[in-house]
Amino acid sequence: MAVKWCGLLSRAIECYLVVQCGLLSHAIECYLVIQCGLLSHAIECYLVVQCGLLSHAIECYLVIQCGLLSHAIECYLVVQCGLLSHAIECYLVVQCGLLSRAIECYLVVQCGLLSHAIECYIVVQCGLLSRAIECYLVVQCGLLSHAIECYLVVQCGLLSHAIECYLVVQCGLLSHAIECYLVVQCGLLSRAIECYLVVQCGLLSHAIECYLVVQCGLLSRAIECYLVVQCGLLSHAIECYLVVQCGLLSHAIECYLVVQCGLLSHAIECYLVVQCGLLSHAIECYLVVQCGLLSRAIECYLVEKGV
């Protein structure tokens, strides 16, 4: 009789399932089997047996929508949460694809399935905070109740790096506009030396200084920092170009010559200084001034030979 009701079950796999499930004597069970195509996959069959064929309407709806939960992790979540009897929980599960990741599931359990509107919005936007550090920050800040803090967290990706997190805590989440702008532009100052410079300079409140720091990579070397302080942050374009090209002139003698000669604005002059080792001797310096920096190779050769 059951075979007649089910269309004689011409396929072997379907026949096997009917035998295993006791030919589905109940009406509701029979309806589900017809709707789902007799559960041709083994995992689906297992789930139906474990869940008692989903006798409740809401449970049935979820199974239809999710394709009978073919993944093991999804099945586990449904069992743990009691098949999501609440509307808000059901909505979140549908939106997130039944929380396939373990960390996400843990967060939902800890937060009571996000009963508050603001918390729910943030979790949806951030993908349920899959990283541990991000979760810690949310707990510490009370889920970002303030508008400015919330905006920064969204923009910075919840501050996944330890150093960035430390800076935000120290600065009170960057309450000032200028500071906030610089931090966003510089990538939250991930390096220690850069952080130190920003603290020393008062977060670079001047436009020209800020521009140079961005261009030079925040002056990570001590000698470079010293020169910039001494020269007034090299406000002229030509000077800045030469410093970048020459490696910021780390030697004292080089620094002296650059100051004396007006930073060697010509390309040929710069080339000669590099080639001759910046002409450390007085006689060489005198000849260079007299001869117009010896633009020709033959002149340079003669000077070196002392001819």
C-alpha atoms as a PDB file:
ATOM      1  CA  MET A   1       0.000   0.000   0.000  1.00  0.00           C
ATOM      2  CA  ALA A   2       2.760   2.407   0.936  1.00  0.00           C
ATOM      3  CA  VAL A   3       4.491   1.615  -2.325  1.00  0.00           C
ATOM      4  CA  LYS A   4       1.329   2.586  -4.266  1.00  0.00           C
ATOM      5  CA  TRP A   5       1.019   5.869  -2.316  1.00  0.00           C
ATOM      6  CA  CYS A   6       4.593   6.833  -3.038  1.00  0.00           C
ATOM      7  CA  GLY A   7       4.561   6.080  -6.782  1.00  0.00           C
ATOM      8  CA  LEU A   8       6.133   2.646  -6.469  1.00  0.00           C
ATOM      9  CA  LEU A   9       9.548   4.151  -5.653  1.00  0.00           C
ATOM     10  CA  SER A  10      11.357   3.073  -8.769  1.00  0.00           C
ATOM     11  CA  ARG A  11      14.801   4.069  -7.547  1.00  0.00           C
ATOM     12  CA  ALA A  12      16.929   1.863  -5.336  1.00  0.00           C
ATOM     13  CA  ILE A  13      17.978   4.632  -2.963  1.00  0.00           C
ATOM     14  CA  GLU A  14      14.377   5.685  -2.397  1.00  0.00           C
ATOM     15  CA  CYS A  15      13.367   2.102  -1.711  1.00  0.00           C
ATOM     16  CA  TYR A  16      16.180   1.753   0.808  1.00  0.00           C
ATOM     17  CA  LEU A  17      15.051   4.868   2.646  1.00  0.00           C
ATOM     18  CA  VAL A  18      11.447   3.689   2.838  1.00  0.00           C
ATOM     19  CA  VAL A  19      12.566   0.422   4.365  1.00  0.00           C
ATOM     20  CA  GLN A  20      14.798   2.187   6.884  1.00  0.00           C
ATOM     21  CA  CYS A  21      12.124   4.697   7.961  1.00  0.00           C
ATOM     22  CA  GLY A  22       9.293   2.109   8.320  1.00  0.00           C
ATOM     23  CA  LEU A  23       7.504   3.249   5.165  1.00  0.00           C
ATOM     24  CA  LEU A  24       6.534   6.589   6.747  1.00  0.00           C
ATOM     25  CA  SER A  25       3.201   5.685   8.235  1.00  0.00           C
ATOM     26  CA  HIS A  26       2.342   9.184   9.428  1.00  0.00           C
ATOM     27  CA  ALA A  27       0.703  11.767   7.224  1.00  0.00           C
ATOM     28  CA  ILE A  28       3.028  14.606   8.106  1.00  0.00           C
ATOM     29  CA  GLU A  29       6.077  12.429   7.546  1.00  0.00           C
ATOM     30  CA  CYS A  30       4.749  11.260   4.201  1.00  0.00           C
ATOM     31  CA  TYR A  31       4.110  14.862   3.117  1.00  0.00           C
ATOM     32  CA  LEU A  32       7.645  15.895   3.927  1.00  0.00           C
ATOM     33  CA  VAL A  33       9.127  12.978   2.022  1.00  0.00           C
ATOM     34  CA  ILE A  34       7.033  13.814  -1.045  1.00  0.00           C
ATOM     35  CA  GLN A  35       8.045  17.486  -0.834  1.00  0.00           C
ATOM     36  CA  CYS A  36      11.736  16.741  -0.389  1.00  0.00           C
ATOM     37  CA  GLY A  37      11.965  14.031  -3.081  1.00  0.00           C
ATOM     38  CA  LEU A  38      12.253  11.167  -0.595  1.00  0.00           C
ATOM     39  CA  LEU A  39      15.543  12.411   0.882  1.00  0.00           C
ATOM     40  CA  SER A  40      17.951  10.976  -1.611  1.00  0.00           C
ATOM     41  CA  HIS A  41      21.022  11.932   0.401  1.00  0.00           C
ATOM     42  CA  ALA A  42      22.184   9.890   3.397  1.00  0.00           C
ATOM     43  CA  ILE A  43      22.944  12.905   5.589  1.00  0.00           C
ATOM     44  CA  GLU A  44      19.449  14.291   5.075  1.00  0.00           C
ATOM     45  CA  CYS A  45      17.905  10.964   6.043  1.00  0.00           C
ATOM     46  CA  TYR A  46      19.999  10.886   9.221  1.00  0.00           C
ATOM     47  CA  LEU A  47      18.839  14.351  10.209  1.00  0.00           C
ATOM     48  CA  VAL A  48      15.184  13.471   9.729  1.00  0.00           C
ATOM     49  CA  VAL A  49      15.565  10.427  11.963  1.00  0.00           C
ATOM     50  CA  GLN A  50      17.395  12.408  14.654  1.00  0.00           C
ATOM     51  CA  CYS A  51      14.920  15.312  14.717  1.00  0.00           C
ATOM     52  CA  GLY A  52      11.746  13.162  14.628  1.00  0.00           C
ATOM     53  CA  LEU A  53      10.852  14.338  11.125  1.00  0.00           C
ATOM     54  CA  LEU A  54      10.319  17.947  12.212  1.00  0.00           C
ATOM     55  CA  SER A  55       6.748  17.872  13.448  1.00  0.00           C
ATOM     56  CA  HIS A  56       6.512  21.608  14.088  1.00  0.00           C
ATOM     57  CA  ALA A  57       5.600  24.116  11.416  1.00  0.00           C
ATOM     58  CA  ILE A  58       8.422  26.539  12.154  1.00  0.00           C
ATOM     59  CA  GLU A  59      10.978  23.739  12.146  1.00  0.00           C
ATOM     60  CA  CYS A  60       9.606  22.394   8.883  1.00  0.00           C
ATOM     61  CA  TYR A  61       9.879  25.849   7.287  1.00  0.00           C
ATOM     62  CA  LEU A  62      13.517  26.171   8.276  1.00  0.00           C
ATOM     63  CA  VAL A  63      14.365  22.731   6.910  1.00  0.00           C
ATOM     64  CA  ILE A  64      12.754  23.566   3.576  1.00  0.00           C
ATOM     65  CA  GLN A  65      14.582  26.900   3.405  1.00  0.00           C
ATOM     66  CA  CYS A  66      17.967  25.459   4.353  1.00  0.00           C
ATOM     67  CA  GLY A  67      17.746  22.293   2.219  1.00  0.00           C
ATOM     68  CA  LEU A  68      17.502  19.967   5.218  1.00  0.00           C
ATOM     69  CA  LEU A  69      20.767  21.152   6.795  1.00  0.00           C
ATOM     70  CA  SER A  70      23.247  19.134   4.815  1.00  0.00           C
ATOM     71  CA  HIS A  71      26.241  20.282   6.878  1.00  0.00           C
ATOM     72  CA  ALA A  72      27.103  18.702  10.231  1.00  0.00           C
ATOM     73  CA  ILE A  73      27.926  21.985  11.974  1.00  0.00           C
ATOM     74  CA  GLU A  74      24.569  23.472  11.022  1.00  0.00           C
ATOM     75  CA  CYS A  75      22.744  20.428  12.377  1.00  0.00           C
ATOM     76  CA  TYR A  76      24.644  20.740  15.671  1.00  0.00           C
ATOM     77  CA  LEU A  77      23.653  24.373  16.040  1.00  0.00           C
ATOM     78  CA  VAL A  78      19.989  23.627  15.432  1.00  0.00           C
ATOM     79  CA  VAL A  79      20.021  20.920  18.105  1.00  0.00           C
ATOM     80  CA  GLN A  80      21.790  23.197  20.603  1.00  0.00           C
ATOM     81  CA  CYS A  81      19.457  26.168  20.077  1.00  0.00           C
ATOM     82  CA  GLY A  82      16.208  24.139  20.136  1.00  0.00           C
ATOM     83  CA  LEU A  83      15.565  24.724  16.443  1.00  0.00           C
ATOM     84  CA  LEU A  84      15.365  28.491  16.828  1.00  0.00           C
ATOM     85  CA  SER A  85      11.881  28.958  18.219  1.00  0.00           C
ATOM     86  CA  HIS A  86      12.121  32.749  18.521  1.00  0.00           C
ATOM     87  CA  ALA A  87      11.464  35.113  15.654  1.00  0.00           C
ATOM     88  CA  ILE A  88      14.543  37.282  16.152  1.00  0.00           C
ATOM     89  CA  GLU A  89      16.807  34.263  16.464  1.00  0.00           C
ATOM     90  CA  CYS A  90      15.282  32.670  13.391  1.00  0.00           C
ATOM     91  CA  TYR A  91      15.851  35.846  11.368  1.00  0.00           C
ATOM     92  CA  LEU A  92      19.510  36.021  12.341  1.00  0.00           C
ATOM     93  CA  VAL A  93      20.109  32.373  11.501  1.00  0.00           C
ATOM     94  CA  VAL A  94      18.547  32.806   8.078  1.00  0.00           C
ATOM     95  CA  GLN A  95      20.639  35.930   7.436  1.00  0.00           C
ATOM     96  CA  CYS A  96      23.917  34.408   8.620  1.00  0.00           C
ATOM     97  CA  GLY A  97      23.454  30.988   6.963  1.00  0.00           C
ATOM     98  CA  LEU A  98      22.908  29.134  10.243  1.00  0.00           C
ATOM     99  CA  LEU A  99      26.206  30.278  11.773  1.00  0.00           C
ATOM    100  CA  SER A 100      28.506  27.787  10.149  1.00  0.00           C
ATOM    101  CA  ARG A 101      31.536  28.861  12.183  1.00  0.00           C
ATOM    102  CA  ALA A 102      32.183  27.787  15.756  1.00  0.00           C
ATOM    103  CA  ILE A 103      33.349  31.206  16.972  1.00  0.00           C
ATOM    104  CA  GLU A 104      30.212  32.867  15.663  1.00  0.00           C
ATOM    105  CA  CYS A 105      28.024  30.334  17.460  1.00  0.00           C
ATOM    106  CA  TYR A 106      29.915  30.991  20.709  1.00  0.00           C
ATOM    107  CA  LEU A 107      29.337  34.721  20.426  1.00  0.00           C
ATOM    108  CA  VAL A 108      25.629  34.286  19.842  1.00  0.00           C
ATOM    109  CA  VAL A 109      25.333  32.095  22.936  1.00  0.00           C
ATOM    110  CA  GLN A 110      27.319  34.580  25.054  1.00  0.00           C
ATOM    111  CA  CYS A 111      25.328  37.637  23.939  1.00  0.00           C
ATOM    112  CA  GLY A 112      21.885  35.986  24.270  1.00  0.00           C
ATOM    113  CA  LEU A 113      21.356  35.997  20.514  1.00  0.00           C
ATOM    114  CA  LEU A 114      21.705  39.765  20.217  1.00  0.00           C
ATOM    115  CA  SER A 115      18.482  40.980  21.766  1.00  0.00           C
ATOM    116  CA  HIS A 116      19.341  44.677  21.387  1.00  0.00           C
ATOM    117  CA  ALA A 117      18.895  46.550  18.143  1.00  0.00           C
ATOM    118  CA  ILE A 118      22.237  48.372  18.204  1.00  0.00           C
ATOM    119  CA  GLU A 119      24.166  45.215  19.053  1.00  0.00           C
ATOM    120  CA  CYS A 120      22.388  43.257  16.364  1.00  0.00           C
ATOM    121  CA  TYR A 121      23.209  45.886  13.749  1.00  0.00           C
ATOM    122  CA  ILE A 122      26.906  45.903  14.605  1.00  0.00           C
ATOM    123  CA  VAL A 123      27.159  42.115  14.563  1.00  0.00           C
ATOM    124  CA  VAL A 124      25.463  41.921  11.184  1.00  0.00           C
ATOM    125  CA  GLN A 125      27.769  44.609   9.782  1.00  0.00           C
ATOM    126  CA  CYS A 126      30.953  43.053  11.153  1.00  0.00           C
ATOM    127  CA  GLY A 127      30.112  39.429  10.244  1.00  0.00           C
ATOM    128  CA  LEU A 128      29.531  38.302  13.831  1.00  0.00           C
ATOM    129  CA  LEU A 129      33.042  39.252  15.010  1.00  0.00           C
ATOM    130  CA  SER A 130      34.900  36.150  13.945  1.00  0.00           C
ATOM    131  CA  ARG A 131      38.164  37.163  15.622  1.00  0.00           C
ATOM    132  CA  ALA A 132      38.885  36.831  19.330  1.00  0.00           C
ATOM    133  CA  ILE A 133      40.488  40.265  19.709  1.00  0.00           C
ATOM    134  CA  GLU A 134      37.506  41.938  18.112  1.00  0.00           C
ATOM    135  CA  CYS A 135      35.149  40.144  20.487  1.00  0.00           C
ATOM    136  CA  TYR A 136      37.242  41.294  23.469  1.00  0.00           C
ATOM    137  CA  LEU A 137      37.039  44.913  22.374  1.00  0.00           C
ATOM    138  CA  VAL A 138      33.282  44.768  21.985  1.00  0.00           C
ATOM    139  CA  VAL A 139      32.902  43.340  25.485  1.00  0.00           C
ATOM    140  CA  GLN A 140      35.220  45.984  26.980  1.00  0.00           C
ATOM    141  CA  CYS A 141      33.511  48.930  25.263  1.00  0.00           C
ATOM    142  CA  GLY A 142      29.931  47.756  25.994  1.00  0.00           C
ATOM    143  CA  LEU A 143      29.279  47.065  22.320  1.00  0.00           C
ATOM    144  CA  LEU A 144      30.244  50.567  21.229  1.00  0.00           C
ATOM    145  CA  SER A 145      27.368  52.585  22.600  1.00  0.00           C
ATOM    146  CA  HIS A 146      28.818  55.921  21.477  1.00  0.00           C
ATOM    147  CA  ALA A 147      28.439  57.186  17.933  1.00  0.00           C
ATOM    148  CA  ILE A 148      32.036  58.340  17.454  1.00  0.00           C
ATOM    149  CA  GLU A 149      33.490  55.116  18.818  1.00  0.00           C
ATOM    150  CA  CYS A 150      31.166  53.019  16.706  1.00  0.00           C
ATOM    151  CA  TYR A 151      32.163  54.907  13.561  1.00  0.00           C
ATOM    152  CA  LEU A 152      35.862  54.400  14.197  1.00  0.00           C
ATOM    153  CA  VAL A 153      35.479  50.691  14.876  1.00  0.00           C
ATOM    154  CA  VAL A 154      33.558  50.188  11.652  1.00  0.00           C
ATOM    155  CA  GLN A 155      36.140  52.170   9.679  1.00  0.00           C
ATOM    156  CA  CYS A 156      39.176  50.450  11.203  1.00  0.00           C
ATOM    157  CA  GLY A 157      37.804  46.886  11.064  1.00  0.00           C
ATOM    158  CA  LEU A 158      37.536  46.570  14.840  1.00  0.00           C
ATOM    159  CA  LEU A 159      41.259  47.182  15.447  1.00  0.00           C
ATOM    160  CA  SER A 160      42.594  43.688  14.961  1.00  0.00           C
ATOM    161  CA  HIS A 161      46.200  44.588  15.877  1.00  0.00           C
ATOM    162  CA  ALA A 162      47.400  44.841  19.469  1.00  0.00           C
ATOM    163  CA  ILE A 163      49.368  48.071  18.996  1.00  0.00           C
ATOM    164  CA  GLU A 164      46.429  49.787  17.355  1.00  0.00           C
ATOM    165  CA  CYS A 165      44.157  48.722  20.199  1.00  0.00           C
ATOM    166  CA  TYR A 166      46.635  50.129  22.738  1.00  0.00           C
ATOM    167  CA  LEU A 167      46.727  53.496  21.004  1.00  0.00           C
ATOM    168  CA  VAL A 168      42.967  53.760  20.896  1.00  0.00           C
ATOM    169  CA  VAL A 169      42.738  53.010  24.611  1.00  0.00           C
ATOM    170  CA  GLN A 170      45.440  55.571  25.431  1.00  0.00           C
ATOM    171  CA  CYS A 171      43.902  58.343  23.320  1.00  0.00           C
ATOM    172  CA  GLY A 172      40.318  57.741  24.489  1.00  0.00           C
ATOM    173  CA  LEU A 173      39.246  56.481  21.068  1.00  0.00           C
ATOM    174  CA  LEU A 174      40.533  59.586  19.281  1.00  0.00           C
ATOM    175  CA  SER A 175      37.940  62.116  20.331  1.00  0.00           C
ATOM    176  CA  HIS A 176      39.546  64.985  18.404  1.00  0.00           C
ATOM    177  CA  ALA A 177      38.931  65.490  14.711  1.00  0.00           C
ATOM    178  CA  ILE A 178      42.535  66.213  13.711  1.00  0.00           C
ATOM    179  CA  GLU A 179      43.909  63.235  15.603  1.00  0.00           C
ATOM    180  CA  CYS A 180      41.257  60.951  14.190  1.00  0.00           C
ATOM    181  CA  TYR A 181      42.052  62.052  10.639  1.00  0.00           C
ATOM    182  CA  LEU A 182      45.771  61.403  11.052  1.00  0.00           C
ATOM    183  CA  VAL A 183      45.256  57.970  12.560  1.00  0.00           C
ATOM    184  CA  VAL A 184      42.990  56.952   9.698  1.00  0.00           C
ATOM    185  CA  GLN A 185      45.476  58.267   7.133  1.00  0.00           C
ATOM    186  CA  CYS A 186      48.527  56.632   8.721  1.00  0.00           C
ATOM    187  CA  GLY A 187      46.911  53.228   9.351  1.00  0.00           C
ATOM    188  CA  LEU A 188      46.749  53.640  13.129  1.00  0.00           C
ATOM    189  CA  LEU A 189      50.555  53.925  13.497  1.00  0.00           C
ATOM    190  CA  SER A 190      51.417  50.261  13.722  1.00  0.00           C
ATOM    191  CA  ARG A 191      55.129  50.844  14.330  1.00  0.00           C
ATOM    192  CA  ALA A 192      56.644  51.800  17.671  1.00  0.00           C
ATOM    193  CA  ILE A 193      58.979  54.494  16.328  1.00  0.00           C
ATOM    194  CA  GLU A 194      56.197  56.164  14.390  1.00  0.00           C
ATOM    195  CA  CYS A 195      54.001  56.169  17.480  1.00  0.00           C
ATOM    196  CA  TYR A 196      56.811  57.797  19.495  1.00  0.00           C
ATOM    197  CA  LEU A 197      57.268  60.579  16.956  1.00  0.00           C
ATOM    198  CA  VAL A 198      53.574  61.347  16.862  1.00  0.00           C
ATOM    199  CA  VAL A 199      53.471  61.603  20.642  1.00  0.00           C
ATOM    200  CA  GLN A 200      56.527  63.883  20.686  1.00  0.00           C
ATOM    201  CA  CYS A 201      55.227  66.214  17.961  1.00  0.00           C
ATOM    202  CA  GLY A 202      51.685  66.468  19.349  1.00  0.00           C
ATOM    203  CA  LEU A 203      50.175  64.413  16.527  1.00  0.00           C
ATOM    204  CA  LEU A 204      51.520  66.750  13.820  1.00  0.00           C
ATOM    205  CA  SER A 205      48.965  69.517  13.999  1.00  0.00           C
ATOM    206  CA  HIS A 206      50.513  71.502  11.137  1.00  0.00           C
ATOM    207  CA  ALA A 207      49.680  70.754   7.526  1.00  0.00           C
ATOM    208  CA  ILE A 208      53.243  70.997   6.177  1.00  0.00           C
ATOM    209  CA  GLU A 209      54.649  68.695   8.836  1.00  0.00           C
ATOM    210  CA  CYS A 210      51.891  66.179   8.290  1.00  0.00           C
ATOM    211  CA  TYR A 211      52.549  66.138   4.538  1.00  0.00           C
ATOM    212  CA  LEU A 212      56.267  65.499   4.979  1.00  0.00           C
ATOM    213  CA  VAL A 213      55.722  62.726   7.488  1.00  0.00           C
ATOM    214  CA  VAL A 214      53.339  60.976   5.127  1.00  0.00           C
ATOM    215  CA  GLN A 215      55.762  61.378   2.222  1.00  0.00           C
ATOM    216  CA  CYS A 216      58.833  60.194   4.134  1.00  0.00           C
ATOM    217  CA  GLY A 217      57.151  57.220   5.841  1.00  0.00           C
ATOM    218  CA  LEU A 218      57.003  58.869   9.269  1.00  0.00           C
ATOM    219  CA  LEU A 219      60.822  59.123   9.527  1.00  0.00           C
ATOM    220  CA  SER A 220      61.530  55.750  11.040  1.00  0.00           C
ATOM    221  CA  ARG A 221      65.270  56.379  11.507  1.00  0.00           C
ATOM    222  CA  ALA A 222      66.771  58.406  14.336  1.00  0.00           C
ATOM    223  CA  ILE A 223      69.237  60.351  12.175  1.00  0.00           C
ATOM    224  CA  GLU A 224      66.523  61.326   9.734  1.00  0.00           C
ATOM    225  CA  CYS A 225      64.349  62.563  12.581  1.00  0.00           C
ATOM    226  CA  TYR A 226      67.235  64.679  13.923  1.00  0.00           C
ATOM    227  CA  LEU A 227      67.877  66.338  10.560  1.00  0.00           C
ATOM    228  CA  VAL A 228      64.240  67.163  10.039  1.00  0.00           C
ATOM    229  CA  VAL A 229      64.065  68.808  13.449  1.00  0.00           C
ATOM    230  CA  GLN A 230      67.257  70.797  12.793  1.00  0.00           C
ATOM    231  CA  CYS A 231      66.231  72.001   9.324  1.00  0.00           C
ATOM    232  CA  GLY A 232      62.650  72.941  10.233  1.00  0.00           C
ATOM    233  CA  LEU A 233      61.085  69.933   8.528  1.00  0.00           C
ATOM    234  CA  LEU A 234      62.408  70.887   5.068  1.00  0.00           C
ATOM    235  CA  SER A 235      59.596  73.120   3.920  1.00  0.00           C
ATOM    236  CA  HIS A 236      60.922  73.479   0.372  1.00  0.00           C
ATOM    237  CA  ALA A 237      60.114  70.959  -2.334  1.00  0.00           C
ATOM    238  CA  ILE A 238      63.630  70.850  -3.797  1.00  0.00           C
ATOM    239  CA  GLU A 239      65.206  70.178  -0.424  1.00  0.00           C
ATOM    240  CA  CYS A 240      62.740  67.413   0.299  1.00  0.00           C
ATOM    241  CA  TYR A 241      63.497  65.785  -3.074  1.00  0.00           C
ATOM    242  CA  LEU A 242      67.243  65.793  -2.474  1.00  0.00           C
ATOM    243  CA  VAL A 243      66.920  64.389   1.013  1.00  0.00           C
ATOM    244  CA  VAL A 244      64.836  61.528  -0.301  1.00  0.00           C
ATOM    245  CA  GLN A 245      67.279  60.872  -3.147  1.00  0.00           C
ATOM    246  CA  CYS A 246      70.432  61.006  -1.007  1.00  0.00           C
ATOM    247  CA  GLY A 247      69.069  58.987   1.916  1.00  0.00           C
ATOM    248  CA  LEU A 248      68.706  62.044   4.152  1.00  0.00           C
ATOM    249  CA  LEU A 249      72.497  62.638   4.271  1.00  0.00           C
ATOM    250  CA  SER A 250      73.355  60.665   7.371  1.00  0.00           C
ATOM    251  CA  HIS A 251      76.994  61.849   7.551  1.00  0.00           C
ATOM    252  CA  ALA A 252      78.013  65.108   9.208  1.00  0.00           C
ATOM    253  CA  ILE A 253      80.298  66.264   6.390  1.00  0.00           C
ATOM    254  CA  GLU A 254      77.593  65.702   3.820  1.00  0.00           C
ATOM    255  CA  CYS A 255      75.121  67.699   5.892  1.00  0.00           C
ATOM    256  CA  TYR A 256      77.610  70.597   6.158  1.00  0.00           C
ATOM    257  CA  LEU A 257      78.244  70.716   2.410  1.00  0.00           C
ATOM    258  CA  VAL A 258      74.570  70.651   1.576  1.00  0.00           C
ATOM    259  CA  VAL A 259      73.960  73.595   3.886  1.00  0.00           C
ATOM    260  CA  GLN A 260      76.910  75.523   2.426  1.00  0.00           C
ATOM    261  CA  CYS A 261      76.079  74.864  -1.226  1.00  0.00           C
ATOM    262  CA  GLY A 262      72.334  75.476  -1.009  1.00  0.00           C
ATOM    263  CA  LEU A 263      71.367  71.813  -1.207  1.00  0.00           C
ATOM    264  CA  LEU A 264      72.831  71.269  -4.711  1.00  0.00           C
ATOM    265  CA  SER A 265      69.763  71.997  -6.778  1.00  0.00           C
ATOM    266  CA  HIS A 266      71.262  70.788 -10.066  1.00  0.00           C
ATOM    267  CA  ALA A 267      71.275  67.162 -11.132  1.00  0.00           C
ATOM    268  CA  ILE A 268      74.872  67.233 -12.390  1.00  0.00           C
ATOM    269  CA  GLU A 269      76.135  68.669  -9.114  1.00  0.00           C
ATOM    270  CA  CYS A 270      74.322  66.020  -7.128  1.00  0.00           C
ATOM    271  CA  TYR A 271      75.851  63.300  -9.335  1.00  0.00           C
ATOM    272  CA  LEU A 272      79.397  64.598  -8.801  1.00  0.00           C
ATOM    273  CA  VAL A 273      78.998  64.812  -5.045  1.00  0.00           C
ATOM    274  CA  VAL A 274      77.880  61.212  -4.917  1.00  0.00           C
ATOM    275  CA  GLN A 275      80.686  60.059  -7.236  1.00  0.00           C
ATOM    276  CA  CYS A 276      83.511  61.956  -5.492  1.00  0.00           C
ATOM    277  CA  GLY A 277      82.482  61.148  -1.934  1.00  0.00           C
ATOM    278  CA  LEU A 278      81.263  64.699  -1.308  1.00  0.00           C
ATOM    279  CA  LEU A 279      84.769  66.207  -1.810  1.00  0.00           C
ATOM    280  CA  SER A 280      85.926  66.133   1.793  1.00  0.00           C
ATOM    281  CA  HIS A 281      89.244  67.930   1.084  1.00  0.00           C
ATOM    282  CA  ALA A 282      89.585  71.720   0.924  1.00  0.00           C
ATOM    283  CA  ILE A 283      91.416  71.749  -2.400  1.00  0.00           C
ATOM    284  CA  GLU A 284      88.726  69.697  -4.054  1.00  0.00           C
ATOM    285  CA  CYS A 285      85.989  71.942  -2.653  1.00  0.00           C
ATOM    286  CA  TYR A 286      87.815  75.046  -3.931  1.00  0.00           C
ATOM    287  CA  LEU A 287      88.240  73.588  -7.414  1.00  0.00           C
ATOM    288  CA  VAL A 288      84.604  72.582  -7.610  1.00  0.00           C
ATOM    289  CA  VAL A 289      83.501  76.104  -6.748  1.00  0.00           C
ATOM    290  CA  GLN A 290      85.951  77.650  -9.217  1.00  0.00           C
ATOM    291  CA  CYS A 291      85.243  75.286 -12.103  1.00  0.00           C
ATOM    292  CA  GLY A 292      81.471  75.164 -11.745  1.00  0.00           C
ATOM    293  CA  LEU A 293      81.428  71.666 -10.301  1.00  0.00           C
ATOM    294  CA  LEU A 294      83.452  70.120 -13.184  1.00  0.00           C
ATOM    295  CA  SER A 295      80.579  69.009 -15.311  1.00  0.00           C
ATOM    296  CA  ARG A 296      82.763  67.014 -17.680  1.00  0.00           C
ATOM    297  CA  ALA A 297      84.288  63.629 -16.988  1.00  0.00           C
ATOM    298  CA  ILE A 298      87.766  64.623 -18.204  1.00  0.00           C
ATOM    299  CA  GLU A 299      87.930  67.565 -15.786  1.00  0.00           C
ATOM    300  CA  CYS A 300      86.962  65.348 -12.874  1.00  0.00           C
ATOM    301  CA  TYR A 301      89.676  62.857 -13.891  1.00  0.00           C
ATOM    302  CA  LEU A 302      92.353  65.567 -14.014  1.00  0.00           C
ATOM    303  CA  VAL A 303      91.418  66.923 -10.584  1.00  0.00           C
ATOM    304  CA  GLU A 304      91.689  63.459  -9.044  1.00  0.00           C
ATOM    305  CA  LYS A 305      95.096  62.907 -10.676  1.00  0.00           C
ATOM    306  CA  GLY A 306      96.318  66.324  -9.457  1.00  0.00           C
ATOM    307  CA  VAL A 307      97.149  67.448 -12.963  1.00  0.00           C
END
